Amino acid sequence: DHIYVNPLVIIPIKENPFTATERKLPIEFP
């Protein structure tokens, strides 16, 4: 009696690449 669907279908960011408690370096995107 139920259907569960992710309405985004395609997810641009699936996982967080920043999970460490702290970071010693800056973040540089391309």
PDB file of all heavy atoms in Angstrom:
ATOM      1  N   ASP A   1       0.795  -1.232   0.000  1.00  0.00           N
ATOM      2  CA  ASP A   1       0.000   0.000   0.000  1.00  0.00           C
ATOM      3  C   ASP A   1       0.831   1.287   0.000  1.00  0.00           C
ATOM      4  O   ASP A   1       0.275   2.381   0.127  1.00  0.00           O
ATOM      5  CB  ASP A   1      -0.953   0.018   1.203  1.00  0.00           C
ATOM      6  CG  ASP A   1      -0.220  -0.148   2.526  1.00  0.00           C
ATOM      7  OD1 ASP A   1       1.020  -0.342   2.504  1.00  0.00           O
ATOM      8  OD2 ASP A   1      -0.869  -0.058   3.573  1.00  0.00           O
ATOM      9  N   HIS A   2       2.163   1.175  -0.123  1.00  0.00           N
ATOM     10  CA  HIS A   2       3.000   2.377  -0.143  1.00  0.00           C
ATOM     11  C   HIS A   2       4.091   2.272  -1.219  1.00  0.00           C
ATOM     12  O   HIS A   2       4.562   1.171  -1.526  1.00  0.00           O
ATOM     13  CB  HIS A   2       3.691   2.609   1.217  1.00  0.00           C
ATOM     14  CG  HIS A   2       2.787   3.187   2.250  1.00  0.00           C
ATOM     15  ND1 HIS A   2       1.944   2.405   3.031  1.00  0.00           N
ATOM     16  CD2 HIS A   2       2.577   4.480   2.643  1.00  0.00           C
ATOM     17  CE1 HIS A   2       1.266   3.177   3.864  1.00  0.00           C
ATOM     18  NE2 HIS A   2       1.629   4.442   3.648  1.00  0.00           N
ATOM     19  N   ILE A   3       4.458   3.417  -1.747  1.00  0.00           N
ATOM     20  CA  ILE A   3       5.613   3.517  -2.653  1.00  0.00           C
ATOM     21  C   ILE A   3       6.513   4.634  -2.133  1.00  0.00           C
ATOM     22  O   ILE A   3       6.028   5.724  -1.786  1.00  0.00           O
ATOM     23  CB  ILE A   3       5.197   3.824  -4.108  1.00  0.00           C
ATOM     24  CG1 ILE A   3       4.267   2.738  -4.648  1.00  0.00           C
ATOM     25  CG2 ILE A   3       6.436   3.944  -5.002  1.00  0.00           C
ATOM     26  CD1 ILE A   3       3.714   3.056  -6.026  1.00  0.00           C
ATOM     27  N   TYR A   4       7.821   4.372  -2.094  1.00  0.00           N
ATOM     28  CA  TYR A   4       8.797   5.351  -1.609  1.00  0.00           C
ATOM     29  C   TYR A   4       9.752   5.686  -2.767  1.00  0.00           C
ATOM     30  O   TYR A   4      10.431   4.804  -3.291  1.00  0.00           O
ATOM     31  CB  TYR A   4       9.596   4.788  -0.433  1.00  0.00           C
ATOM     32  CG  TYR A   4       8.730   4.309   0.711  1.00  0.00           C
ATOM     33  CD1 TYR A   4       8.200   3.005   0.713  1.00  0.00           C
ATOM     34  CD2 TYR A   4       8.420   5.146   1.780  1.00  0.00           C
ATOM     35  CE1 TYR A   4       7.406   2.560   1.756  1.00  0.00           C
ATOM     36  CE2 TYR A   4       7.629   4.706   2.836  1.00  0.00           C
ATOM     37  CZ  TYR A   4       7.120   3.419   2.810  1.00  0.00           C
ATOM     38  OH  TYR A   4       6.329   2.983   3.847  1.00  0.00           O
ATOM     39  N   VAL A   5       9.780   6.948  -3.142  1.00  0.00           N
ATOM     40  CA  VAL A   5      10.599   7.346  -4.279  1.00  0.00           C
ATOM     41  C   VAL A   5      11.356   8.623  -3.937  1.00  0.00           C
ATOM     42  O   VAL A   5      10.806   9.543  -3.327  1.00  0.00           O
ATOM     43  CB  VAL A   5       9.740   7.547  -5.550  1.00  0.00           C
ATOM     44  CG1 VAL A   5       8.639   8.565  -5.315  1.00  0.00           C
ATOM     45  CG2 VAL A   5      10.598   7.973  -6.735  1.00  0.00           C
ATOM     46  N   ASN A   6      12.635   8.657  -4.319  1.00  0.00           N
ATOM     47  CA  ASN A   6      13.407   9.887  -4.149  1.00  0.00           C
ATOM     48  C   ASN A   6      13.028  10.827  -5.298  1.00  0.00           C
ATOM     49  O   ASN A   6      13.279  10.517  -6.462  1.00  0.00           O
ATOM     50  CB  ASN A   6      14.905   9.602  -4.180  1.00  0.00           C
ATOM     51  CG  ASN A   6      15.742  10.804  -3.780  1.00  0.00           C
ATOM     52  OD1 ASN A   6      15.472  11.916  -4.207  1.00  0.00           O
ATOM     53  ND2 ASN A   6      16.754  10.585  -2.964  1.00  0.00           N
ATOM     54  N   PRO A   7      12.428  11.975  -5.004  1.00  0.00           N
ATOM     55  CA  PRO A   7      11.925  12.847  -6.077  1.00  0.00           C
ATOM     56  C   PRO A   7      13.016  13.504  -6.911  1.00  0.00           C
ATOM     57  O   PRO A   7      12.722  14.063  -7.971  1.00  0.00           O
ATOM     58  CB  PRO A   7      11.121  13.905  -5.311  1.00  0.00           C
ATOM     59  CG  PRO A   7      11.736  13.936  -3.948  1.00  0.00           C
ATOM     60  CD  PRO A   7      12.176  12.532  -3.662  1.00  0.00           C
ATOM     61  N   LEU A   8      14.285  13.431  -6.483  1.00  0.00           N
ATOM     62  CA  LEU A   8      15.377  13.991  -7.282  1.00  0.00           C
ATOM     63  C   LEU A   8      15.777  13.066  -8.425  1.00  0.00           C
ATOM     64  O   LEU A   8      16.301  13.512  -9.446  1.00  0.00           O
ATOM     65  CB  LEU A   8      16.599  14.271  -6.402  1.00  0.00           C
ATOM     66  CG  LEU A   8      16.466  15.371  -5.354  1.00  0.00           C
ATOM     67  CD1 LEU A   8      17.742  15.458  -4.510  1.00  0.00           C
ATOM     68  CD2 LEU A   8      16.195  16.715  -6.007  1.00  0.00           C
ATOM     69  N   VAL A   9      15.571  11.757  -8.246  1.00  0.00           N
ATOM     70  CA  VAL A   9      15.947  10.715  -9.212  1.00  0.00           C
ATOM     71  C   VAL A   9      17.468  10.673  -9.403  1.00  0.00           C
ATOM     72  O   VAL A   9      18.118   9.670  -9.142  1.00  0.00           O
ATOM     73  CB  VAL A   9      15.237  10.880 -10.563  1.00  0.00           C
ATOM     74  CG1 VAL A   9      15.627   9.747 -11.522  1.00  0.00           C
ATOM     75  CG2 VAL A   9      13.724  10.910 -10.377  1.00  0.00           C
ATOM     76  N   ILE A  10      18.052  11.760  -9.908  1.00  0.00           N
ATOM     77  CA  ILE A  10      19.507  11.881 -10.052  1.00  0.00           C
ATOM     78  C   ILE A  10      20.004  12.821  -8.952  1.00  0.00           C
ATOM     79  O   ILE A  10      19.573  13.976  -8.882  1.00  0.00           O
ATOM     80  CB  ILE A  10      19.881  12.429 -11.446  1.00  0.00           C
ATOM     81  CG1 ILE A  10      19.448  11.450 -12.536  1.00  0.00           C
ATOM     82  CG2 ILE A  10      21.374  12.702 -11.545  1.00  0.00           C
ATOM     83  CD1 ILE A  10      19.603  11.994 -13.946  1.00  0.00           C
ATOM     84  N   ILE A  11      20.902  12.337  -8.117  1.00  0.00           N
ATOM     85  CA  ILE A  11      21.336  13.112  -6.950  1.00  0.00           C
ATOM     86  C   ILE A  11      22.718  13.701  -7.227  1.00  0.00           C
ATOM     87  O   ILE A  11      23.704  12.964  -7.332  1.00  0.00           O
ATOM     88  CB  ILE A  11      21.386  12.217  -5.691  1.00  0.00           C
ATOM     89  CG1 ILE A  11      20.017  11.582  -5.458  1.00  0.00           C
ATOM     90  CG2 ILE A  11      21.803  13.030  -4.479  1.00  0.00           C
ATOM     91  CD1 ILE A  11      19.999  10.553  -4.351  1.00  0.00           C
ATOM     92  N   PRO A  12      22.837  15.025  -7.357  1.00  0.00           N
ATOM     93  CA  PRO A  12      24.137  15.639  -7.674  1.00  0.00           C
ATOM     94  C   PRO A  12      25.217  15.371  -6.629  1.00  0.00           C
ATOM     95  O   PRO A  12      26.369  15.106  -6.975  1.00  0.00           O
ATOM     96  CB  PRO A  12      23.803  17.130  -7.763  1.00  0.00           C
ATOM     97  CG  PRO A  12      22.358  17.170  -8.147  1.00  0.00           C
ATOM     98  CD  PRO A  12      21.742  16.011  -7.429  1.00  0.00           C
ATOM     99  N   ILE A  13      24.883  15.475  -5.347  1.00  0.00           N
ATOM    100  CA  ILE A  13      25.867  15.196  -4.286  1.00  0.00           C
ATOM    101  C   ILE A  13      25.301  14.082  -3.423  1.00  0.00           C
ATOM    102  O   ILE A  13      24.378  14.293  -2.632  1.00  0.00           O
ATOM    103  CB  ILE A  13      26.161  16.439  -3.422  1.00  0.00           C
ATOM    104  CG1 ILE A  13      26.702  17.583  -4.285  1.00  0.00           C
ATOM    105  CG2 ILE A  13      27.167  16.102  -2.332  1.00  0.00           C
ATOM    106  CD1 ILE A  13      26.978  18.860  -3.500  1.00  0.00           C
ATOM    107  N   LYS A  14      25.840  12.880  -3.567  1.00  0.00           N
ATOM    108  CA  LYS A  14      25.330  11.728  -2.835  1.00  0.00           C
ATOM    109  C   LYS A  14      25.946  11.608  -1.446  1.00  0.00           C
ATOM    110  O   LYS A  14      25.281  11.229  -0.487  1.00  0.00           O
ATOM    111  CB  LYS A  14      25.603  10.440  -3.632  1.00  0.00           C
ATOM    112  CG  LYS A  14      24.931  10.393  -4.990  1.00  0.00           C
ATOM    113  CD  LYS A  14      25.238   9.083  -5.682  1.00  0.00           C
ATOM    114  CE  LYS A  14      24.586   9.012  -7.059  1.00  0.00           C
ATOM    115  NZ  LYS A  14      25.129  10.022  -7.991  1.00  0.00           N
ATOM    116  N   GLU A  15      27.258  11.877  -1.363  1.00  0.00           N
ATOM    117  CA  GLU A  15      27.968  11.720  -0.088  1.00  0.00           C
ATOM    118  C   GLU A  15      28.774  12.968   0.210  1.00  0.00           C
ATOM    119  O   GLU A  15      29.273  13.642  -0.700  1.00  0.00           O
ATOM    120  CB  GLU A  15      28.897  10.501  -0.137  1.00  0.00           C
ATOM    121  CG  GLU A  15      28.172   9.169  -0.313  1.00  0.00           C
ATOM    122  CD  GLU A  15      29.149   8.002  -0.324  1.00  0.00           C
ATOM    123  OE1 GLU A  15      30.372   8.248  -0.245  1.00  0.00           O
ATOM    124  OE2 GLU A  15      28.688   6.856  -0.419  1.00  0.00           O
ATOM    125  N   ASN A  16      28.897  13.264   1.487  1.00  0.00           N
ATOM    126  CA  ASN A  16      29.683  14.411   1.926  1.00  0.00           C
ATOM    127  C   ASN A  16      31.169  14.041   1.902  1.00  0.00           C
ATOM    128  O   ASN A  16      31.596  13.144   2.620  1.00  0.00           O
ATOM    129  CB  ASN A  16      29.267  14.821   3.345  1.00  0.00           C
ATOM    130  CG  ASN A  16      29.942  16.100   3.788  1.00  0.00           C
ATOM    131  OD1 ASN A  16      30.764  16.675   3.078  1.00  0.00           O
ATOM    132  ND2 ASN A  16      29.584  16.560   4.981  1.00  0.00           N
ATOM    133  N   PRO A  17      31.983  14.710   1.075  1.00  0.00           N
ATOM    134  CA  PRO A  17      33.416  14.398   1.048  1.00  0.00           C
ATOM    135  C   PRO A  17      34.167  14.960   2.251  1.00  0.00           C
ATOM    136  O   PRO A  17      35.331  14.641   2.454  1.00  0.00           O
ATOM    137  CB  PRO A  17      33.892  15.065  -0.245  1.00  0.00           C
ATOM    138  CG  PRO A  17      32.961  16.212  -0.443  1.00  0.00           C
ATOM    139  CD  PRO A  17      31.631  15.762   0.094  1.00  0.00           C
ATOM    140  N   PHE A  18      33.482  15.788   3.043  1.00  0.00           N
ATOM    141  CA  PHE A  18      34.132  16.435   4.185  1.00  0.00           C
ATOM    142  C   PHE A  18      33.527  15.889   5.473  1.00  0.00           C
ATOM    143  O   PHE A  18      32.512  16.388   5.977  1.00  0.00           O
ATOM    144  CB  PHE A  18      33.947  17.955   4.100  1.00  0.00           C
ATOM    145  CG  PHE A  18      34.328  18.536   2.769  1.00  0.00           C
ATOM    146  CD1 PHE A  18      33.355  19.049   1.913  1.00  0.00           C
ATOM    147  CD2 PHE A  18      35.651  18.545   2.357  1.00  0.00           C
ATOM    148  CE1 PHE A  18      33.697  19.575   0.684  1.00  0.00           C
ATOM    149  CE2 PHE A  18      36.002  19.066   1.119  1.00  0.00           C
ATOM    150  CZ  PHE A  18      35.028  19.585   0.281  1.00  0.00           C
ATOM    151  N   THR A  19      34.136  14.837   5.988  1.00  0.00           N
ATOM    152  CA  THR A  19      33.609  14.180   7.193  1.00  0.00           C
ATOM    153  C   THR A  19      34.578  14.228   8.372  1.00  0.00           C
ATOM    154  O   THR A  19      34.188  13.943   9.498  1.00  0.00           O
ATOM    155  CB  THR A  19      33.270  12.709   6.894  1.00  0.00           C
ATOM    156  OG1 THR A  19      34.448  12.045   6.401  1.00  0.00           O
ATOM    157  CG2 THR A  19      32.171  12.609   5.848  1.00  0.00           C
ATOM    158  N   ALA A  20      35.843  14.577   8.120  1.00  0.00           N
ATOM    159  CA  ALA A  20      36.824  14.614   9.210  1.00  0.00           C
ATOM    160  C   ALA A  20      36.443  15.683  10.227  1.00  0.00           C
ATOM    161  O   ALA A  20      35.822  16.698   9.894  1.00  0.00           O
ATOM    162  CB  ALA A  20      38.217  14.890   8.649  1.00  0.00           C
ATOM    163  N   THR A  21      36.816  15.451  11.481  1.00  0.00           N
ATOM    164  CA  THR A  21      36.525  16.413  12.549  1.00  0.00           C
ATOM    165  C   THR A  21      37.184  17.751  12.270  1.00  0.00           C
ATOM    166  O   THR A  21      36.599  18.816  12.505  1.00  0.00           O
ATOM    167  CB  THR A  21      37.005  15.867  13.899  1.00  0.00           C
ATOM    168  OG1 THR A  21      36.408  14.579  14.120  1.00  0.00           O
ATOM    169  CG2 THR A  21      36.624  16.803  15.037  1.00  0.00           C
ATOM    170  N   GLU A  22      38.414  17.716  11.762  1.00  0.00           N
ATOM    171  CA  GLU A  22      39.118  18.942  11.416  1.00  0.00           C
ATOM    172  C   GLU A  22      39.910  18.726  10.135  1.00  0.00           C
ATOM    173  O   GLU A  22      40.143  17.597   9.715  1.00  0.00           O
ATOM    174  CB  GLU A  22      40.061  19.378  12.551  1.00  0.00           C
ATOM    175  CG  GLU A  22      41.170  18.385  12.847  1.00  0.00           C
ATOM    176  CD  GLU A  22      42.123  18.873  13.926  1.00  0.00           C
ATOM    177  OE1 GLU A  22      41.975  20.019  14.363  1.00  0.00           O
ATOM    178  OE2 GLU A  22      43.019  18.102  14.303  1.00  0.00           O
ATOM    179  N   ARG A  23      40.302  19.828   9.523  1.00  0.00           N
ATOM    180  CA  ARG A  23      41.081  19.772   8.288  1.00  0.00           C
ATOM    181  C   ARG A  23      42.259  20.720   8.429  1.00  0.00           C
ATOM    182  O   ARG A  23      42.099  21.866   8.878  1.00  0.00           O
ATOM    183  CB  ARG A  23      40.211  20.157   7.084  1.00  0.00           C
ATOM    184  CG  ARG A  23      40.947  20.074   5.749  1.00  0.00           C
ATOM    185  CD  ARG A  23      40.005  20.367   4.585  1.00  0.00           C
ATOM    186  NE  ARG A  23      40.726  20.473   3.328  1.00  0.00           N
ATOM    187  CZ  ARG A  23      41.050  19.454   2.552  1.00  0.00           C
ATOM    188  NH1 ARG A  23      40.709  18.224   2.899  1.00  0.00           N
ATOM    189  NH2 ARG A  23      41.719  19.642   1.418  1.00  0.00           N
ATOM    190  N   LYS A  24      43.452  20.247   8.026  1.00  0.00           N
ATOM    191  CA  LYS A  24      44.670  21.039   8.182  1.00  0.00           C
ATOM    192  C   LYS A  24      45.003  21.853   6.940  1.00  0.00           C
ATOM    193  O   LYS A  24      45.903  22.685   6.968  1.00  0.00           O
ATOM    194  CB  LYS A  24      45.840  20.116   8.510  1.00  0.00           C
ATOM    195  CG  LYS A  24      45.644  19.330   9.800  1.00  0.00           C
ATOM    196  CD  LYS A  24      46.627  18.189   9.899  1.00  0.00           C
ATOM    197  CE  LYS A  24      46.329  17.324  11.107  1.00  0.00           C
ATOM    198  NZ  LYS A  24      47.122  16.085  11.107  1.00  0.00           N
ATOM    199  N   LEU A  25      44.294  21.583   5.848  1.00  0.00           N
ATOM    200  CA  LEU A  25      44.554  22.270   4.586  1.00  0.00           C
ATOM    201  C   LEU A  25      43.298  22.994   4.127  1.00  0.00           C
ATOM    202  O   LEU A  25      42.186  22.635   4.514  1.00  0.00           O
ATOM    203  CB  LEU A  25      44.977  21.262   3.511  1.00  0.00           C
ATOM    204  CG  LEU A  25      46.291  20.516   3.747  1.00  0.00           C
ATOM    205  CD1 LEU A  25      46.463  19.432   2.700  1.00  0.00           C
ATOM    206  CD2 LEU A  25      47.469  21.462   3.724  1.00  0.00           C
ATOM    207  N   PRO A  26      43.454  24.017   3.292  1.00  0.00           N
ATOM    208  CA  PRO A  26      42.265  24.659   2.728  1.00  0.00           C
ATOM    209  C   PRO A  26      41.552  23.722   1.759  1.00  0.00           C
ATOM    210  O   PRO A  26      42.028  22.625   1.476  1.00  0.00           O
ATOM    211  CB  PRO A  26      42.845  25.882   2.005  1.00  0.00           C
ATOM    212  CG  PRO A  26      44.258  25.524   1.720  1.00  0.00           C
ATOM    213  CD  PRO A  26      44.706  24.631   2.836  1.00  0.00           C
ATOM    214  N   ILE A  27      40.417  24.160   1.255  1.00  0.00           N
ATOM    215  CA  ILE A  27      39.668  23.422   0.248  1.00  0.00           C
ATOM    216  C   ILE A  27      39.773  24.197  -1.058  1.00  0.00           C
ATOM    217  O   ILE A  27      39.461  25.385  -1.115  1.00  0.00           O
ATOM    218  CB  ILE A  27      38.187  23.267   0.652  1.00  0.00           C
ATOM    219  CG1 ILE A  27      38.066  22.426   1.924  1.00  0.00           C
ATOM    220  CG2 ILE A  27      37.376  22.636  -0.484  1.00  0.00           C
ATOM    221  CD1 ILE A  27      36.675  22.420   2.521  1.00  0.00           C
ATOM    222  N   GLU A  28      40.225  23.511  -2.118  1.00  0.00           N
ATOM    223  CA  GLU A  28      40.351  24.142  -3.425  1.00  0.00           C
ATOM    224  C   GLU A  28      39.533  23.355  -4.446  1.00  0.00           C
ATOM    225  O   GLU A  28      39.826  22.188  -4.708  1.00  0.00           O
ATOM    226  CB  GLU A  28      41.821  24.193  -3.862  1.00  0.00           C
ATOM    227  CG  GLU A  28      42.691  25.062  -2.973  1.00  0.00           C
ATOM    228  CD  GLU A  28      44.152  25.038  -3.378  1.00  0.00           C
ATOM    229  OE1 GLU A  28      44.735  23.939  -3.430  1.00  0.00           O
ATOM    230  OE2 GLU A  28      44.701  26.112  -3.640  1.00  0.00           O
ATOM    231  N   PHE A  29      38.519  23.980  -4.990  1.00  0.00           N
ATOM    232  CA  PHE A  29      37.731  23.353  -6.045  1.00  0.00           C
ATOM    233  C   PHE A  29      38.409  23.617  -7.394  1.00  0.00           C
ATOM    234  O   PHE A  29      39.110  24.614  -7.556  1.00  0.00           O
ATOM    235  CB  PHE A  29      36.308  23.909  -6.050  1.00  0.00           C
ATOM    236  CG  PHE A  29      35.476  23.460  -4.886  1.00  0.00           C
ATOM    237  CD1 PHE A  29      35.299  24.274  -3.775  1.00  0.00           C
ATOM    238  CD2 PHE A  29      34.881  22.215  -4.891  1.00  0.00           C
ATOM    239  CE1 PHE A  29      34.539  23.863  -2.700  1.00  0.00           C
ATOM    240  CE2 PHE A  29      34.119  21.784  -3.817  1.00  0.00           C
ATOM    241  CZ  PHE A  29      33.942  22.609  -2.715  1.00  0.00           C
ATOM    242  N   PRO A  30      38.188  22.759  -8.386  1.00  0.00           N
ATOM    243  CA  PRO A  30      38.872  22.947  -9.674  1.00  0.00           C
ATOM    244  C   PRO A  30      38.391  24.171 -10.437  1.00  0.00           C
ATOM    245  O   PRO A  30      39.164  24.816 -11.139  1.00  0.00           O
ATOM    246  CB  PRO A  30      38.556  21.659 -10.437  1.00  0.00           C
ATOM    247  CG  PRO A  30      37.317  21.118  -9.793  1.00  0.00           C
ATOM    248  CD  PRO A  30      37.416  21.507  -8.351  1.00  0.00           C
TER     249      PRO A  30
END
